[in-house]
Amino acid sequence: MKKELLIVGAILILLTVDLSGCMDEKSKFIRSWQATGGGTITFNSDNTVVIIDIGMFGFIELTEIITYSVANQQITFSAGSIGKTLNYSFSDSNILILTNDVGLSLTLTKM
């Protein structure tokens, strides 16, 4: 009985640590970011995002509901059935770099 309780406890600890890692990664995004060439991206805690005047997303404010998800060093933006996945990295806590599979990148600075 003690052995089973120990195993269940260990599994719960591992799950808690694993899930808290996901939360920590997402929390790095939640705020407004300024693009190098102008425009902003605001990541909200409810997985929605507001994109204004960002070149790679168009030079207009996007008015539809856009969501995002983060996993495996990639961020996926979705609007309805359309989605775009980009790689991301943080060069430090104030700089977010989004890149696509052909080498284009967007550098964002925490506002």
Protein backbone atom coordinates (compact mmCIF):
# COMPACT_ATOMS: atom_id res chain seq x y z
CA MET A 1 0.00 0.00 0.00
CA LYS A 2 2.80 2.42 0.90
CA LYS A 3 4.57 1.61 -2.36
CA GLU A 4 1.42 2.38 -4.40
CA LEU A 5 0.91 5.63 -2.50
CA LEU A 6 4.53 6.59 -3.16
CA ILE A 7 4.15 5.87 -6.89
CA VAL A 8 0.92 7.89 -7.13
CA GLY A 9 2.58 10.76 -5.24
CA ALA A 10 5.57 10.72 -7.56
CA ILE A 11 3.30 10.78 -10.62
CA LEU A 12 1.34 13.74 -9.23
CA ILE A 13 4.56 15.65 -8.58
CA LEU A 14 5.82 14.97 -12.11
CA LEU A 15 2.51 16.07 -13.63
CA THR A 16 2.48 19.26 -11.56
CA VAL A 17 6.03 20.14 -12.60
CA ASP A 18 5.28 19.33 -16.25
CA LEU A 19 2.11 21.43 -16.33
CA SER A 20 3.71 24.32 -14.48
CA GLY A 21 6.41 24.39 -17.17
CA CYS A 22 3.71 24.88 -19.82
CA MET A 23 2.17 27.69 -17.84
CA ASP A 24 5.54 29.39 -17.36
CA GLU A 25 6.27 29.26 -21.09
CA LYS A 26 2.91 30.78 -22.03
CA SER A 27 3.24 33.45 -19.35
CA LYS A 28 6.37 34.77 -21.11
CA PHE A 29 4.14 35.90 -23.99
CA ILE A 30 1.30 37.59 -22.08
CA ARG A 31 1.75 41.34 -22.61
CA SER A 32 2.08 43.77 -25.50
CA TRP A 33 5.08 43.60 -27.81
CA GLN A 34 6.36 46.27 -30.24
CA ALA A 35 7.65 45.12 -33.63
CA THR A 36 10.95 46.51 -34.89
CA GLY A 37 9.30 48.03 -37.98
CA GLY A 38 6.24 49.28 -36.08
CA GLY A 39 2.99 47.67 -35.05
CA THR A 40 2.12 45.65 -31.98
CA ILE A 41 1.07 42.20 -30.92
CA THR A 42 -0.77 41.77 -27.62
CA PHE A 43 -1.01 38.26 -26.20
CA ASN A 44 -3.87 37.83 -23.72
CA SER A 45 -4.12 35.19 -20.99
CA ASP A 46 -7.30 33.74 -22.61
CA ASN A 47 -5.22 32.59 -25.65
CA THR A 48 -6.44 35.43 -27.86
CA VAL A 49 -4.12 37.84 -29.57
CA VAL A 50 -4.56 41.35 -31.02
CA ILE A 51 -2.32 42.13 -34.00
CA ILE A 52 -2.06 45.72 -35.24
CA ASP A 53 -0.02 46.83 -38.26
CA ILE A 54 2.44 43.93 -38.38
CA GLY A 55 3.90 43.44 -41.88
CA MET A 56 3.94 39.66 -41.94
CA PHE A 57 0.28 39.62 -40.89
CA GLY A 58 -0.86 42.49 -43.15
CA PHE A 59 -0.73 46.23 -42.68
CA ILE A 60 -4.17 46.55 -41.15
CA GLU A 61 -5.68 45.79 -37.80
CA LEU A 62 -7.03 42.26 -37.82
CA THR A 63 -10.56 42.34 -36.45
CA GLU A 64 -11.42 38.65 -36.37
CA ILE A 65 -10.76 36.56 -33.28
CA ILE A 66 -7.23 35.23 -33.44
CA THR A 67 -6.03 32.63 -30.97
CA TYR A 68 -2.59 31.31 -30.21
CA SER A 69 -1.10 28.22 -28.65
CA VAL A 70 2.45 27.49 -27.54
CA ALA A 71 4.21 24.10 -27.65
CA ASN A 72 7.68 22.76 -28.48
CA GLN A 73 9.28 26.16 -29.18
CA GLN A 74 6.53 26.96 -31.69
CA ILE A 75 3.58 29.30 -31.57
CA THR A 76 0.49 28.73 -33.70
CA PHE A 77 -1.84 31.59 -34.64
CA SER A 78 -5.35 30.54 -35.70
CA ALA A 79 -8.36 32.37 -37.11
CA GLY A 80 -11.21 29.96 -37.75
CA SER A 81 -9.88 27.04 -39.78
CA ILE A 82 -6.74 28.91 -40.92
CA GLY A 83 -3.54 28.66 -38.91
CA LYS A 84 0.11 29.60 -39.14
CA THR A 85 2.86 28.07 -37.01
CA LEU A 86 6.10 29.93 -36.34
CA ASN A 87 9.20 29.12 -34.35
CA TYR A 88 9.97 31.39 -31.44
CA SER A 89 12.87 32.23 -29.19
CA PHE A 90 13.57 34.74 -26.45
CA SER A 91 17.02 36.30 -26.78
CA ASP A 92 16.36 37.73 -23.32
CA SER A 93 13.21 38.39 -21.32
CA ASN A 94 12.52 41.59 -23.28
CA ILE A 95 13.08 40.32 -26.85
CA LEU A 96 10.87 37.78 -28.66
CA ILE A 97 11.88 36.54 -32.11
CA LEU A 98 9.36 34.81 -34.40
CA THR A 99 10.71 32.96 -37.45
CA ASN A 100 9.14 30.95 -40.25
CA ASP A 101 10.48 27.94 -42.10
CA VAL A 102 12.05 30.02 -44.91
CA GLY A 103 14.12 32.19 -42.57
CA LEU A 104 12.00 35.33 -42.31
CA SER A 105 11.89 36.76 -38.80
CA LEU A 106 10.05 39.34 -36.74
CA THR A 107 11.72 40.84 -33.68
CA LEU A 108 9.42 42.06 -30.92
CA THR A 109 10.35 44.09 -27.83
CA LYS A 110 8.37 43.97 -24.60
CA MET A 111 6.38 47.16 -24.07
